[in-house]
Amino acid sequence: MPDSEEDREIPLSPLAIGYMWSTRIITLSVEMGLIVLAFHWLDRKLNTVPLFIIVGSLLAVVFFIVQITAMTKKPVGRADRDDTDRPSP
């Protein structure tokens, strides 16, 4: 019995994989920047320059490493299926 269309994995082109990785990295970079900016704002409010900028930078790097490690554990060459959690009829 052949697999149904829902069960088949969809192969992605190399260009699609490149776009997928670039959007992931850009998203992580924006998140890192926002963390550092938030701690910079806190530094200016509390007059503690550069204490919170250093703490925020370290926190952003740790966050980046954790997120990139989680991303690299997923297979890259296949499309993500959001409907895999649906129960079978």
Protein backbone atom coordinates (compact mmCIF):
# COMPACT_ATOMS: atom_id res chain seq x y z
CA MET A 1 0.00 0.00 0.00
CA PRO A 2 1.65 3.26 -1.07
CA ASP A 3 2.04 6.15 1.37
CA SER A 4 -0.68 8.74 1.30
CA GLU A 5 0.21 12.25 0.16
CA GLU A 6 0.05 13.53 3.75
CA ASP A 7 2.67 11.02 4.91
CA ARG A 8 5.25 11.85 2.24
CA GLU A 9 8.03 14.30 3.01
CA ILE A 10 8.48 17.20 0.63
CA PRO A 11 12.08 17.66 -0.55
CA LEU A 12 13.33 21.25 -0.60
CA SER A 13 15.61 22.84 -3.17
CA PRO A 14 19.02 24.14 -2.05
CA LEU A 15 17.76 27.70 -2.57
CA ALA A 16 14.81 27.07 -0.25
CA ILE A 17 17.14 25.63 2.39
CA GLY A 18 19.37 28.70 2.08
CA TYR A 19 16.41 31.04 2.52
CA MET A 20 15.23 29.02 5.51
CA TRP A 21 18.62 29.27 7.24
CA SER A 22 19.03 32.97 6.41
CA THR A 23 15.66 33.86 7.93
CA ARG A 24 16.48 31.83 11.05
CA ILE A 25 19.85 33.58 11.50
CA ILE A 26 18.37 37.04 10.84
CA THR A 27 15.63 36.37 13.39
CA LEU A 28 18.18 35.31 16.00
CA SER A 29 20.33 38.37 15.27
CA VAL A 30 17.38 40.71 15.74
CA GLU A 31 16.51 38.98 19.01
CA MET A 32 20.11 39.37 20.21
CA GLY A 33 20.08 43.05 19.29
CA LEU A 34 16.80 43.65 21.09
CA ILE A 35 18.14 42.00 24.25
CA VAL A 36 21.26 44.20 24.22
CA LEU A 37 19.20 47.33 23.51
CA ALA A 38 16.86 46.54 26.39
CA PHE A 39 19.78 46.18 28.79
CA HIS A 40 21.37 49.36 27.40
CA TRP A 41 18.11 51.21 28.13
CA LEU A 42 18.13 49.75 31.65
CA ASP A 43 21.73 50.93 32.11
CA ARG A 44 20.80 54.45 31.14
CA LYS A 45 17.74 54.49 33.43
CA LEU A 46 19.68 53.21 36.45
CA ASN A 47 22.93 55.07 35.63
CA THR A 48 24.97 51.86 35.89
CA VAL A 49 26.84 51.99 32.58
CA PRO A 50 28.22 49.40 31.45
CA LEU A 51 27.02 46.81 34.00
CA PHE A 52 23.75 45.77 32.36
CA ILE A 53 25.14 46.02 28.81
CA ILE A 54 27.74 43.39 29.72
CA VAL A 55 25.11 41.22 31.42
CA GLY A 56 22.74 41.63 28.47
CA SER A 57 25.44 40.79 25.96
CA LEU A 58 26.35 37.61 27.81
CA LEU A 59 22.69 36.68 28.12
CA ALA A 60 22.16 37.30 24.39
CA VAL A 61 25.12 35.09 23.47
CA VAL A 62 23.86 32.27 25.71
CA PHE A 63 20.36 32.63 24.21
CA PHE A 64 21.85 32.54 20.68
CA ILE A 65 23.86 29.38 21.39
CA VAL A 66 20.85 27.59 22.89
CA GLN A 67 18.59 28.56 19.98
CA ILE A 68 21.11 27.69 17.24
CA THR A 69 21.77 24.32 18.91
CA ALA A 70 18.04 23.57 18.94
CA MET A 71 17.74 24.62 15.28
CA THR A 72 20.57 22.41 14.09
CA LYS A 73 19.01 19.31 15.62
CA LYS A 74 16.11 19.48 13.14
CA PRO A 75 16.54 17.92 9.68
CA VAL A 76 17.18 20.56 7.04
CA GLY A 77 16.41 18.93 3.70
CA ARG A 78 12.70 18.38 4.23
CA ALA A 79 9.76 20.70 4.69
CA ASP A 80 8.39 21.07 8.20
CA ARG A 81 5.01 19.47 8.67
CA ASP A 82 2.77 21.34 11.12
CA ASP A 83 -0.02 18.82 10.80
CA THR A 84 1.91 15.78 12.12
CA ASP A 85 0.24 16.07 15.53
CA ARG A 86 -3.23 15.58 14.09
CA PRO A 87 -4.87 12.29 15.05
CA SER A 88 -5.55 9.82 12.28
CA PRO A 89 -9.19 9.49 11.19
